[in-house]
PDB file of N, CA and C in Angstrom:
ATOM      1  N   GLY A   1      80.425-156.486 -51.811  1.00  0.00           N
ATOM      2  CA  GLY A   1      81.102-156.302 -53.161  1.00  0.00           C
ATOM      3  C   GLY A   1      80.491-157.141 -54.205  1.00  0.00           C
ATOM      4  N   LEU A   2      81.412-157.501 -55.155  1.00  0.00           N
ATOM      5  CA  LEU A   2      81.000-158.179 -56.307  1.00  0.00           C
ATOM      6  C   LEU A   2      80.363-159.617 -55.987  1.00  0.00           C
ATOM      7  N   HIS A   3      80.836-160.225 -55.013  1.00  0.00           N
ATOM      8  CA  HIS A   3      80.240-161.505 -54.616  1.00  0.00           C
ATOM      9  C   HIS A   3      78.806-161.387 -54.080  1.00  0.00           C
ATOM     10  N   ASP A   4      78.525-160.327 -53.295  1.00  0.00           N
ATOM     11  CA  ASP A   4      77.286-160.068 -52.966  1.00  0.00           C
ATOM     12  C   ASP A   4      76.333-159.748 -54.093  1.00  0.00           C
ATOM     13  N   PHE A   5      76.741-158.943 -55.009  1.00  0.00           N
ATOM     14  CA  PHE A   5      75.957-158.607 -56.187  1.00  0.00           C
ATOM     15  C   PHE A   5      75.636-159.789 -56.995  1.00  0.00           C
ATOM     16  N   MET A   6      76.551-160.774 -57.139  1.00  0.00           N
ATOM     17  CA  MET A   6      76.316-162.049 -57.830  1.00  0.00           C
ATOM     18  C   MET A   6      75.422-162.934 -57.220  1.00  0.00           C
ATOM     19  N   MET A   7      75.430-163.007 -55.873  1.00  0.00           N
ATOM     20  CA  MET A   7      74.493-163.771 -55.069  1.00  0.00           C
ATOM     21  C   MET A   7      73.056-163.272 -55.290  1.00  0.00           C
ATOM     22  N   ILE A   8      72.894-161.916 -55.180  1.00  0.00           N
ATOM     23  CA  ILE A   8      71.608-161.316 -55.252  1.00  0.00           C
ATOM     24  C   ILE A   8      71.060-161.506 -56.804  1.00  0.00           C
ATOM     25  N   SER A   9      71.833-161.295 -57.783  1.00  0.00           N
ATOM     26  CA  SER A   9      71.454-161.425 -59.165  1.00  0.00           C
ATOM     27  C   SER A   9      71.041-162.836 -59.430  1.00  0.00           C
ATOM     28  N   GLN A  10      71.723-163.784 -58.929  1.00  0.00           N
ATOM     29  CA  GLN A  10      71.471-165.325 -59.155  1.00  0.00           C
ATOM     30  C   GLN A  10      70.074-165.560 -58.537  1.00  0.00           C
ATOM     31  N   ASN A  11      69.794-165.096 -57.416  1.00  0.00           N
ATOM     32  CA  ASN A  11      68.610-165.351 -56.672  1.00  0.00           C
ATOM     33  C   ASN A  11      67.465-164.402 -57.098  1.00  0.00           C
ATOM     34  N   LEU A  12      67.627-163.527 -57.897  1.00  0.00           N
ATOM     35  CA  LEU A  12      66.649-162.457 -58.131  1.00  0.00           C
ATOM     36  C   LEU A  12      65.273-163.009 -58.614  1.00  0.00           C
ATOM     37  N   PRO A  13      65.263-163.933 -59.627  1.00  0.00           N
ATOM     38  CA  PRO A  13      63.897-164.503 -60.050  1.00  0.00           C
ATOM     39  C   PRO A  13      63.172-165.061 -58.845  1.00  0.00           C
ATOM     40  N   TRP A  14      63.839-165.830 -57.944  1.00  0.00           N
ATOM     41  CA  TRP A  14      63.108-166.412 -56.709  1.00  0.00           C
ATOM     42  C   TRP A  14      62.803-165.271 -55.841  1.00  0.00           C
ATOM     43  N   ARG A  15      63.557-164.341 -55.737  1.00  0.00           N
ATOM     44  CA  ARG A  15      63.288-163.280 -54.773  1.00  0.00           C
ATOM     45  C   ARG A  15      62.034-162.561 -55.219  1.00  0.00           C
ATOM     46  N   ILE A  16      61.920-162.361 -56.513  1.00  0.00           N
ATOM     47  CA  ILE A  16      60.769-161.724 -57.159  1.00  0.00           C
ATOM     48  C   ILE A  16      59.462-162.488 -56.921  1.00  0.00           C
ATOM     49  N   VAL A  17      59.475-163.810 -57.219  1.00  0.00           N
ATOM     50  CA  VAL A  17      58.443-164.631 -56.946  1.00  0.00           C
ATOM     51  C   VAL A  17      58.005-164.649 -55.541  1.00  0.00           C
ATOM     52  N   ILE A  18      58.866-164.791 -54.556  1.00  0.00           N
ATOM     53  CA  ILE A  18      58.590-164.834 -53.166  1.00  0.00           C
ATOM     54  C   ILE A  18      57.908-163.508 -52.715  1.00  0.00           C
ATOM     55  N   PHE A  19      58.517-162.482 -53.205  1.00  0.00           N
ATOM     56  CA  PHE A  19      58.021-161.078 -52.886  1.00  0.00           C
ATOM     57  C   PHE A  19      56.577-160.892 -53.392  1.00  0.00           C
ATOM     58  N   ALA A  20      56.413-161.283 -54.615  1.00  0.00           N
ATOM     59  CA  ALA A  20      55.030-161.236 -55.234  1.00  0.00           C
ATOM     60  C   ALA A  20      54.048-162.067 -54.425  1.00  0.00           C
ATOM     61  N   LEU A  21      54.354-163.248 -54.125  1.00  0.00           N
ATOM     62  CA  LEU A  21      53.562-164.183 -53.422  1.00  0.00           C
ATOM     63  C   LEU A  21      53.144-163.551 -51.953  1.00  0.00           C
ATOM     64  N   ALA A  22      54.287-163.026 -51.397  1.00  0.00           N
ATOM     65  CA  ALA A  22      54.117-162.512 -50.019  1.00  0.00           C
ATOM     66  C   ALA A  22      53.144-161.332 -50.105  1.00  0.00           C
ATOM     67  N   ILE A  23      53.185-160.508 -51.038  1.00  0.00           N
ATOM     68  CA  ILE A  23      52.387-159.276 -51.226  1.00  0.00           C
ATOM     69  C   ILE A  23      50.914-159.710 -51.433  1.00  0.00           C
ATOM     70  N   LEU A  24      50.822-160.689 -52.302  1.00  0.00           N
ATOM     71  CA  LEU A  24      49.346-161.184 -52.688  1.00  0.00           C
ATOM     72  C   LEU A  24      48.749-161.855 -51.352  1.00  0.00           C
ATOM     73  N   PHE A  25      49.482-162.698 -50.763  1.00  0.00           N
ATOM     74  CA  PHE A  25      48.902-163.309 -49.485  1.00  0.00           C
ATOM     75  C   PHE A  25      48.595-162.228 -48.330  1.00  0.00           C
ATOM     76  N   PHE A  26      49.543-161.301 -48.244  1.00  0.00           N
ATOM     77  CA  PHE A  26      49.246-160.216 -47.182  1.00  0.00           C
ATOM     78  C   PHE A  26      47.989-159.477 -47.578  1.00  0.00           C
ATOM     79  N   VAL A  27      47.878-158.976 -48.795  1.00  0.00           N
ATOM     80  CA  VAL A  27      46.746-158.161 -49.107  1.00  0.00           C
ATOM     81  C   VAL A  27      45.405-158.889 -48.966  1.00  0.00           C
ATOM     82  N   ILE A  28      45.428-160.173 -49.474  1.00  0.00           N
ATOM     83  CA  ILE A  28      44.161-160.954 -49.231  1.00  0.00           C
ATOM     84  C   ILE A  28      43.915-161.156 -47.742  1.00  0.00           C
ATOM     85  N   SER A  29      44.884-161.525 -47.070  1.00  0.00           N
ATOM     86  CA  SER A  29      44.671-161.731 -45.505  1.00  0.00           C
ATOM     87  C   SER A  29      44.272-160.401 -44.897  1.00  0.00           C
ATOM     88  N   ALA A  30      44.849-159.243 -45.192  1.00  0.00           N
ATOM     89  CA  ALA A  30      44.504-158.077 -44.528  1.00  0.00           C
ATOM     90  C   ALA A  30      43.013-157.615 -44.986  1.00  0.00           C
ATOM     91  N   ALA A  31      42.669-157.897 -46.200  1.00  0.00           N
ATOM     92  CA  ALA A  31      41.360-157.500 -46.674  1.00  0.00           C
ATOM     93  C   ALA A  31      40.328-158.462 -45.985  1.00  0.00           C
ATOM     94  N   THR A  32      40.611-159.664 -45.829  1.00  0.00           N
ATOM     95  CA  THR A  32      39.663-160.586 -45.100  1.00  0.00           C
ATOM     96  C   THR A  32      39.463-160.257 -43.678  1.00  0.00           C
ATOM     97  N   TYR A  33      40.605-159.906 -42.995  1.00  0.00           N
ATOM     98  CA  TYR A  33      40.413-159.499 -41.548  1.00  0.00           C
ATOM     99  C   TYR A  33      39.662-158.198 -41.396  1.00  0.00           C
ATOM    100  N   MET A  34      39.818-157.300 -42.269  1.00  0.00           N
ATOM    101  CA  MET A  34      39.097-156.030 -42.262  1.00  0.00           C
ATOM    102  C   MET A  34      37.742-156.096 -42.555  1.00  0.00           C
ATOM    103  N   ASN A  35      37.291-157.191 -43.259  1.00  0.00           N
ATOM    104  CA  ASN A  35      35.917-157.417 -43.709  1.00  0.00           C
ATOM    105  C   ASN A  35      35.135-158.462 -42.785  1.00  0.00           C
ATOM    106  N   ALA A  36      35.910-159.075 -41.798  1.00  0.00           N
ATOM    107  CA  ALA A  36      35.256-160.162 -41.023  1.00  0.00           C
ATOM    108  C   ALA A  36      34.308-159.584 -39.869  1.00  0.00           C
ATOM    109  N   GLN A  37      34.186-158.365 -39.779  1.00  0.00           N
ATOM    110  CA  GLN A  37      33.238-157.661 -38.906  1.00  0.00           C
ATOM    111  C   GLN A  37      33.551-158.108 -37.369  1.00  0.00           C
ATOM    112  N   LEU A  38      34.855-158.161 -37.136  1.00  0.00           N
ATOM    113  CA  LEU A  38      35.272-158.485 -35.789  1.00  0.00           C
ATOM    114  C   LEU A  38      36.200-157.373 -35.080  1.00  0.00           C
ATOM    115  N   GLY A  39      36.107-156.208 -35.782  1.00  0.00           N
ATOM    116  CA  GLY A  39      36.975-155.098 -35.369  1.00  0.00           C
ATOM    117  C   GLY A  39      38.228-154.976 -36.131  1.00  0.00           C
ATOM    118  N   VAL A  40      38.711-153.845 -36.238  1.00  0.00           N
ATOM    119  CA  VAL A  40      40.014-153.572 -36.982  1.00  0.00           C
ATOM    120  C   VAL A  40      41.047-152.949 -36.092  1.00  0.00           C
ATOM    121  N   ALA A  41      42.333-152.914 -36.601  1.00  0.00           N
ATOM    122  CA  ALA A  41      43.381-152.213 -35.811  1.00  0.00           C
ATOM    123  C   ALA A  41      43.137-150.711 -35.978  1.00  0.00           C
ATOM    124  N   PRO A  42      43.797-150.045 -34.989  1.00  0.00           N
ATOM    125  CA  PRO A  42      43.584-148.442 -35.088  1.00  0.00           C
ATOM    126  C   PRO A  42      44.004-147.837 -36.417  1.00  0.00           C
ATOM    127  N   TYR A  43      45.009-148.324 -37.060  1.00  0.00           N
ATOM    128  CA  TYR A  43      45.565-147.682 -38.332  1.00  0.00           C
ATOM    129  C   TYR A  43      44.446-147.915 -39.441  1.00  0.00           C
ATOM    130  N   ASP A  44      43.896-149.229 -39.430  1.00  0.00           N
ATOM    131  CA  ASP A  44      42.764-149.410 -40.511  1.00  0.00           C
ATOM    132  C   ASP A  44      41.409-148.662 -40.077  1.00  0.00           C
ATOM    133  N   ALA A  45      41.274-148.484 -38.857  1.00  0.00           N
ATOM    134  CA  ALA A  45      39.974-147.717 -38.278  1.00  0.00           C
ATOM    135  C   ALA A  45      40.055-146.372 -38.765  1.00  0.00           C
ATOM    136  N   LEU A  46      41.329-145.726 -38.712  1.00  0.00           N
ATOM    137  CA  LEU A  46      41.382-144.355 -39.162  1.00  0.00           C
ATOM    138  C   LEU A  46      40.969-144.081 -40.537  1.00  0.00           C
ATOM    139  N   ALA A  47      41.272-144.943 -41.491  1.00  0.00           N
ATOM    140  CA  ALA A  47      40.827-144.827 -42.871  1.00  0.00           C
ATOM    141  C   ALA A  47      39.288-144.942 -42.959  1.00  0.00           C
ATOM    142  N   ILE A  48      38.767-145.819 -42.112  1.00  0.00           N
ATOM    143  CA  ILE A  48      37.347-146.066 -42.155  1.00  0.00           C
ATOM    144  C   ILE A  48      36.612-144.672 -41.655  1.00  0.00           C
ATOM    145  N   ILE A  49      37.186-144.221 -40.557  1.00  0.00           N
ATOM    146  CA  ILE A  49      36.614-143.068 -39.939  1.00  0.00           C
ATOM    147  C   ILE A  49      36.792-141.838 -40.936  1.00  0.00           C
ATOM    148  N   ILE A  50      37.891-141.699 -41.643  1.00  0.00           N
ATOM    149  CA  ILE A  50      38.052-140.548 -42.436  1.00  0.00           C
ATOM    150  C   ILE A  50      37.075-140.729 -43.627  1.00  0.00           C
ATOM    151  N   ALA A  51      36.775-141.960 -44.169  1.00  0.00           N
ATOM    152  CA  ALA A  51      35.885-142.165 -45.211  1.00  0.00           C
ATOM    153  C   ALA A  51      34.370-141.882 -44.928  1.00  0.00           C
ATOM    154  N   ARG A  52      34.032-141.945 -43.716  1.00  0.00           N
ATOM    155  CA  ARG A  52      32.602-141.760 -43.382  1.00  0.00           C
ATOM    156  C   ARG A  52      31.872-140.500 -43.962  1.00  0.00           C
ATOM    157  N   PRO A  53      32.542-139.276 -43.687  1.00  0.00           N
ATOM    158  CA  PRO A  53      31.799-138.210 -44.263  1.00  0.00           C
ATOM    159  C   PRO A  53      31.841-138.017 -45.802  1.00  0.00           C
ATOM    160  N   PHE A  54      32.675-138.795 -46.426  1.00  0.00           N
ATOM    161  CA  PHE A  54      32.772-138.818 -47.881  1.00  0.00           C
ATOM    162  C   PHE A  54      32.148-139.967 -48.583  1.00  0.00           C
ATOM    163  N   LYS A  55      30.865-140.079 -48.425  1.00  0.00           N
ATOM    164  CA  LYS A  55      30.056-141.261 -48.779  1.00  0.00           C
ATOM    165  C   LYS A  55      30.167-141.531 -50.311  1.00  0.00           C
ATOM    166  N   LYS A  56      30.298-140.281 -51.157  1.00  0.00           N
ATOM    167  CA  LYS A  56      30.313-140.490 -52.523  1.00  0.00           C
ATOM    168  C   LYS A  56      31.692-140.856 -53.095  1.00  0.00           C
ATOM    169  N   VAL A  57      32.705-140.757 -52.299  1.00  0.00           N
ATOM    170  CA  VAL A  57      34.107-141.178 -52.735  1.00  0.00           C
ATOM    171  C   VAL A  57      34.332-142.674 -52.322  1.00  0.00           C
ATOM    172  N   PRO A  58      34.709-143.502 -53.363  1.00  0.00           N
ATOM    173  CA  PRO A  58      34.920-144.943 -53.090  1.00  0.00           C
ATOM    174  C   PRO A  58      36.053-145.141 -51.881  1.00  0.00           C
ATOM    175  N   PHE A  59      35.698-146.063 -51.119  1.00  0.00           N
ATOM    176  CA  PHE A  59      36.633-146.279 -49.875  1.00  0.00           C
ATOM    177  C   PHE A  59      38.049-146.619 -50.421  1.00  0.00           C
ATOM    178  N   PHE A  60      38.199-147.357 -51.394  1.00  0.00           N
ATOM    179  CA  PHE A  60      39.476-147.782 -51.852  1.00  0.00           C
ATOM    180  C   PHE A  60      40.357-146.611 -52.246  1.00  0.00           C
ATOM    181  N   PHE A  61      39.726-145.487 -52.745  1.00  0.00           N
ATOM    182  CA  PHE A  61      40.479-144.387 -53.121  1.00  0.00           C
ATOM    183  C   PHE A  61      40.970-143.568 -51.836  1.00  0.00           C
ATOM    184  N   ILE A  62      40.111-143.523 -50.850  1.00  0.00           N
ATOM    185  CA  ILE A  62      40.491-142.862 -49.618  1.00  0.00           C
ATOM    186  C   ILE A  62      41.559-143.742 -48.836  1.00  0.00           C
ATOM    187  N   ARG A  63      41.443-145.042 -48.999  1.00  0.00           N
ATOM    188  CA  ARG A  63      42.364-145.897 -48.409  1.00  0.00           C
ATOM    189  C   ARG A  63      43.792-145.764 -49.002  1.00  0.00           C
ATOM    190  N   ILE A  64      43.786-145.587 -50.367  1.00  0.00           N
ATOM    191  CA  ILE A  64      45.077-145.482 -51.084  1.00  0.00           C
ATOM    192  C   ILE A  64      45.654-144.119 -50.651  1.00  0.00           C
ATOM    193  N   LEU A  65      44.905-143.071 -50.667  1.00  0.00           N
ATOM    194  CA  LEU A  65      45.412-141.759 -50.086  1.00  0.00           C
ATOM    195  C   LEU A  65      46.051-141.801 -48.761  1.00  0.00           C
ATOM    196  N   PHE A  66      45.249-142.449 -47.966  1.00  0.00           N
ATOM    197  CA  PHE A  66      45.631-142.693 -46.533  1.00  0.00           C
ATOM    198  C   PHE A  66      46.952-143.324 -46.436  1.00  0.00           C
ATOM    199  N   ASP A  67      47.062-144.454 -47.113  1.00  0.00           N
ATOM    200  CA  ASP A  67      48.312-145.224 -47.037  1.00  0.00           C
ATOM    201  C   ASP A  67      49.494-144.442 -47.708  1.00  0.00           C
ATOM    202  N   LEU A  68      49.235-143.830 -48.850  1.00  0.00           N
ATOM    203  CA  LEU A  68      50.410-143.028 -49.394  1.00  0.00           C
ATOM    204  C   LEU A  68      50.770-141.827 -48.439  1.00  0.00           C
ATOM    205  N   SER A  69      49.863-141.369 -47.668  1.00  0.00           N
ATOM    206  CA  SER A  69      50.392-140.252 -46.712  1.00  0.00           C
ATOM    207  C   SER A  69      51.080-140.806 -45.635  1.00  0.00           C
ATOM    208  N   GLY A  70      50.841-142.144 -45.196  1.00  0.00           N
ATOM    209  CA  GLY A  70      51.645-142.812 -44.236  1.00  0.00           C
ATOM    210  C   GLY A  70      53.076-143.066 -44.759  1.00  0.00           C
ATOM    211  N   ILE A  71      53.168-143.381 -46.122  1.00  0.00           N
ATOM    212  CA  ILE A  71      54.512-143.642 -46.699  1.00  0.00           C
ATOM    213  C   ILE A  71      55.247-142.341 -46.768  1.00  0.00           C
ATOM    214  N   GLY A  72      54.540-141.194 -47.120  1.00  0.00           N
ATOM    215  CA  GLY A  72      55.182-139.938 -47.106  1.00  0.00           C
ATOM    216  C   GLY A  72      55.670-139.583 -45.815  1.00  0.00           C
ATOM    217  N   ILE A  73      54.859-139.702 -44.741  1.00  0.00           N
ATOM    218  CA  ILE A  73      55.432-139.430 -43.310  1.00  0.00           C
ATOM    219  C   ILE A  73      56.535-140.244 -43.012  1.00  0.00           C
ATOM    220  N   GLY A  74      56.556-141.551 -43.443  1.00  0.00           N
ATOM    221  CA  GLY A  74      57.824-142.429 -43.143  1.00  0.00           C
ATOM    222  C   GLY A  74      58.962-141.902 -43.933  1.00  0.00           C
ATOM    223  N   LEU A  75      58.827-141.448 -45.124  1.00  0.00           N
ATOM    224  CA  LEU A  75      59.922-140.862 -45.908  1.00  0.00           C
ATOM    225  C   LEU A  75      60.505-139.706 -45.338  1.00  0.00           C
ATOM    226  N   LEU A  76      59.587-138.780 -44.864  1.00  0.00           N
ATOM    227  CA  LEU A  76      60.052-137.562 -44.213  1.00  0.00           C
ATOM    228  C   LEU A  76      60.795-137.911 -42.886  1.00  0.00           C
ATOM    229  N   ALA A  77      60.256-138.805 -42.121  1.00  0.00           N
ATOM    230  CA  ALA A  77      61.036-139.292 -40.942  1.00  0.00           C
ATOM    231  C   ALA A  77      62.400-139.877 -41.239  1.00  0.00           C
ATOM    232  N   SER A  78      62.507-140.543 -42.389  1.00  0.00           N
ATOM    233  CA  SER A  78      63.744-141.171 -42.687  1.00  0.00           C
ATOM    234  C   SER A  78      64.865-140.094 -42.970  1.00  0.00           C
ATOM    235  N   LEU A  79      64.490-138.908 -43.311  1.00  0.00           N
ATOM    236  CA  LEU A  79      65.430-137.872 -43.605  1.00  0.00           C
ATOM    237  C   LEU A  79      66.238-137.551 -42.272  1.00  0.00           C
ATOM    238  N   VAL A  80      65.739-137.635 -41.135  1.00  0.00           N
ATOM    239  CA  VAL A  80      66.381-137.320 -39.875  1.00  0.00           C
ATOM    240  C   VAL A  80      66.872-138.632 -39.144  1.00  0.00           C
ATOM    241  N   ASN A  81      66.517-139.913 -39.790  1.00  0.00           N
ATOM    242  CA  ASN A  81      67.055-140.977 -39.244  1.00  0.00           C
ATOM    243  C   ASN A  81      68.588-141.178 -39.560  1.00  0.00           C
ATOM    244  N   PRO A  82      69.421-141.437 -38.656  1.00  0.00           N
ATOM    245  CA  PRO A  82      70.839-141.584 -38.940  1.00  0.00           C
ATOM    246  C   PRO A  82      71.010-142.887 -39.778  1.00  0.00           C
ATOM    247  N   LEU A  83      70.154-143.940 -39.848  1.00  0.00           N
ATOM    248  CA  LEU A  83      70.285-145.029 -40.613  1.00  0.00           C
ATOM    249  C   LEU A  83      69.743-144.881 -41.998  1.00  0.00           C
ATOM    250  N   GLY A  84      68.914-143.774 -42.185  1.00  0.00           N
ATOM    251  CA  GLY A  84      68.321-143.571 -43.524  1.00  0.00           C
ATOM    252  C   GLY A  84      67.025-144.364 -43.580  1.00  0.00           C
ATOM    253  N   ARG A  85      66.610-144.569 -44.783  1.00  0.00           N
ATOM    254  CA  ARG A  85      65.320-145.181 -45.147  1.00  0.00           C
ATOM    255  C   ARG A  85      65.515-146.702 -44.829  1.00  0.00           C
ATOM    256  N   GLN A  86      64.514-147.247 -44.059  1.00  0.00           N
ATOM    257  CA  GLN A  86      64.516-148.615 -43.746  1.00  0.00           C
ATOM    258  C   GLN A  86      63.333-149.333 -44.495  1.00  0.00           C
ATOM    259  N   GLY A  87      63.508-150.528 -44.793  1.00  0.00           N
ATOM    260  CA  GLY A  87      62.429-151.347 -45.363  1.00  0.00           C
ATOM    261  C   GLY A  87      62.296-151.212 -46.892  1.00  0.00           C
ATOM    262  N   SER A  88      61.335-151.738 -47.487  1.00  0.00           N
ATOM    263  CA  SER A  88      61.073-151.759 -48.804  1.00  0.00           C
ATOM    264  C   SER A  88      60.093-150.707 -49.307  1.00  0.00           C
ATOM    265  N   LEU A  89      60.578-149.668 -49.931  1.00  0.00           N
ATOM    266  CA  LEU A  89      59.762-148.583 -50.381  1.00  0.00           C
ATOM    267  C   LEU A  89      58.648-149.233 -51.617  1.00  0.00           C
ATOM    268  N   LEU A  90      59.309-150.064 -52.384  1.00  0.00           N
ATOM    269  CA  LEU A  90      58.408-150.694 -53.396  1.00  0.00           C
ATOM    270  C   LEU A  90      57.401-151.458 -52.827  1.00  0.00           C
ATOM    271  N   GLY A  91      57.615-152.291 -51.842  1.00  0.00           N
ATOM    272  CA  GLY A  91      56.580-153.002 -51.197  1.00  0.00           C
ATOM    273  C   GLY A  91      55.534-152.213 -50.521  1.00  0.00           C
ATOM    274  N   SER A  92      55.941-151.054 -49.921  1.00  0.00           N
ATOM    275  CA  SER A  92      55.036-150.215 -49.282  1.00  0.00           C
ATOM    276  C   SER A  92      54.007-149.451 -50.373  1.00  0.00           C
ATOM    277  N   VAL A  93      54.583-149.091 -51.461  1.00  0.00           N
ATOM    278  CA  VAL A  93      53.881-148.489 -52.500  1.00  0.00           C
ATOM    279  C   VAL A  93      52.907-149.488 -53.067  1.00  0.00           C
ATOM    280  N   ILE A  94      53.298-150.666 -53.387  1.00  0.00           N
ATOM    281  CA  ILE A  94      52.451-151.708 -53.926  1.00  0.00           C
ATOM    282  C   ILE A  94      51.278-152.098 -52.965  1.00  0.00           C
ATOM    283  N   LEU A  95      51.591-152.064 -51.639  1.00  0.00           N
ATOM    284  CA  LEU A  95      50.584-152.165 -50.673  1.00  0.00           C
ATOM    285  C   LEU A  95      49.629-151.191 -50.544  1.00  0.00           C
ATOM    286  N   ALA A  96      50.130-149.894 -50.650  1.00  0.00           N
ATOM    287  CA  ALA A  96      49.278-148.729 -50.606  1.00  0.00           C
ATOM    288  C   ALA A  96      48.265-148.737 -51.745  1.00  0.00           C
ATOM    289  N   PHE A  97      48.623-149.240 -52.948  1.00  0.00           N
ATOM    290  CA  PHE A  97      47.788-149.243 -54.091  1.00  0.00           C
ATOM    291  C   PHE A  97      46.844-150.475 -54.151  1.00  0.00           C
ATOM    292  N   ALA A  98      47.279-151.597 -53.424  1.00  0.00           N
ATOM    293  CA  ALA A  98      46.468-152.904 -53.492  1.00  0.00           C
ATOM    294  C   ALA A  98      45.515-153.006 -52.390  1.00  0.00           C
ATOM    295  N   ILE A  99      45.800-152.627 -51.131  1.00  0.00           N
ATOM    296  CA  ILE A  99      44.907-152.874 -49.980  1.00  0.00           C
ATOM    297  C   ILE A  99      43.522-152.330 -50.169  1.00  0.00           C
ATOM    298  N   GLY A 100      43.501-151.029 -50.527  1.00  0.00           N
ATOM    299  CA  GLY A 100      42.164-150.522 -50.626  1.00  0.00           C
ATOM    300  C   GLY A 100      41.178-151.228 -51.616  1.00  0.00           C
ATOM    301  N   PRO A 101      41.663-151.421 -52.836  1.00  0.00           N
ATOM    302  CA  PRO A 101      40.868-152.194 -53.803  1.00  0.00           C
ATOM    303  C   PRO A 101      40.487-153.607 -53.187  1.00  0.00           C
ATOM    304  N   ALA A 102      41.504-154.270 -52.769  1.00  0.00           N
ATOM    305  CA  ALA A 102      41.416-155.604 -52.149  1.00  0.00           C
ATOM    306  C   ALA A 102      40.275-155.648 -51.131  1.00  0.00           C
ATOM    307  N   VAL A 103      40.307-154.731 -50.278  1.00  0.00           N
ATOM    308  CA  VAL A 103      39.258-154.615 -49.140  1.00  0.00           C
ATOM    309  C   VAL A 103      37.865-154.479 -49.748  1.00  0.00           C
ATOM    310  N   THR A 104      37.716-153.840 -50.922  1.00  0.00           N
ATOM    311  CA  THR A 104      36.333-153.704 -51.536  1.00  0.00           C
ATOM    312  C   THR A 104      36.016-154.970 -52.137  1.00  0.00           C
ATOM    313  N   MET A 105      36.977-155.548 -52.925  1.00  0.00           N
ATOM    314  CA  MET A 105      36.563-156.732 -53.691  1.00  0.00           C
ATOM    315  C   MET A 105      36.351-157.972 -52.701  1.00  0.00           C
ATOM    316  N   VAL A 106      37.226-158.190 -51.737  1.00  0.00           N
ATOM    317  CA  VAL A 106      37.078-159.202 -50.706  1.00  0.00           C
ATOM    318  C   VAL A 106      35.731-159.046 -49.959  1.00  0.00           C
ATOM    319  N   GLY A 107      35.487-157.806 -49.550  1.00  0.00           N
ATOM    320  CA  GLY A 107      34.251-157.377 -48.982  1.00  0.00           C
ATOM    321  C   GLY A 107      32.980-157.791 -49.690  1.00  0.00           C
ATOM    322  N   LYS A 108      32.995-157.536 -50.884  1.00  0.00           N
ATOM    323  CA  LYS A 108      31.786-157.829 -51.714  1.00  0.00           C
ATOM    324  C   LYS A 108      31.728-159.454 -51.852  1.00  0.00           C
ATOM    325  N   PHE A 109      32.837-160.061 -52.051  1.00  0.00           N
ATOM    326  CA  PHE A 109      32.802-161.611 -52.054  1.00  0.00           C
ATOM    327  C   PHE A 109      32.293-162.216 -50.768  1.00  0.00           C
ATOM    328  N   MET A 110      32.826-161.534 -49.605  1.00  0.00           N
ATOM    329  CA  MET A 110      32.369-162.145 -48.250  1.00  0.00           C
ATOM    330  C   MET A 110      30.997-161.841 -48.009  1.00  0.00           C
ATOM    331  N   GLU A 111      30.463-160.659 -48.374  1.00  0.00           N
ATOM    332  CA  GLU A 111      28.994-160.391 -48.161  1.00  0.00           C
ATOM    333  C   GLU A 111      28.226-161.341 -48.842  1.00  0.00           C
ATOM    334  N   LYS A 112      28.512-161.666 -50.109  1.00  0.00           N
ATOM    335  CA  LYS A 112      27.721-162.628 -50.910  1.00  0.00           C
ATOM    336  C   LYS A 112      27.683-163.949 -50.550  1.00  0.00           C
ATOM    337  N   HIS A 113      28.976-164.469 -50.166  1.00  0.00           N
ATOM    338  CA  HIS A 113      29.280-165.947 -50.055  1.00  0.00           C
ATOM    339  C   HIS A 113      29.455-166.377 -48.615  1.00  0.00           C
ATOM    340  N   ILE A 114      29.956-165.475 -47.763  1.00  0.00           N
ATOM    341  CA  ILE A 114      30.330-165.929 -46.341  1.00  0.00           C
ATOM    342  C   ILE A 114      29.456-165.361 -45.251  1.00  0.00           C
ATOM    343  N   LEU A 115      29.330-163.973 -45.409  1.00  0.00           N
ATOM    344  CA  LEU A 115      28.571-163.231 -44.324  1.00  0.00           C
ATOM    345  C   LEU A 115      27.091-163.209 -44.623  1.00  0.00           C
ATOM    346  N   ASN A 116      26.626-163.806 -45.664  1.00  0.00           N
ATOM    347  CA  ASN A 116      25.126-163.790 -45.946  1.00  0.00           C
ATOM    348  C   ASN A 116      24.497-164.972 -45.150  1.00  0.00           C
ATOM    349  N   PHE A 117      23.787-164.599 -44.048  1.00  0.00           N
ATOM    350  CA  PHE A 117      23.220-165.644 -43.261  1.00  0.00           C
ATOM    351  C   PHE A 117      21.855-165.974 -43.515  1.00  0.00           C
ATOM    352  N   ASP A 118      21.200-165.274 -44.639  1.00  0.00           N
ATOM    353  CA  ASP A 118      19.835-165.446 -45.008  1.00  0.00           C
ATOM    354  C   ASP A 118      19.549-166.932 -45.339  1.00  0.00           C
TER     355      ASP A 118
END
């Protein structure tokens, strides 16, 4: 009720800061692990496999489309879920647009400063 709304609105600035920091740290961490050349999770590997035949298309663009298609499938599945949509749609969309470019930027940084053994 009203008490819950007041508690949420009082804490909203902190919730936004924590949300933004969590997204930032997750994106950097995910991009780092994907560029560490130690293998990737199956979900991440699918985007890499799909990108292979499209050499002229930037990876980040394919990754964004791949992640958005996953969100779309999740939204379609939520239509038949008795509990409705679960989780943060906003967070999912932000991640979909952020991970692809972050993988590219972190990869370039790692190649130049970390993975360059010359």
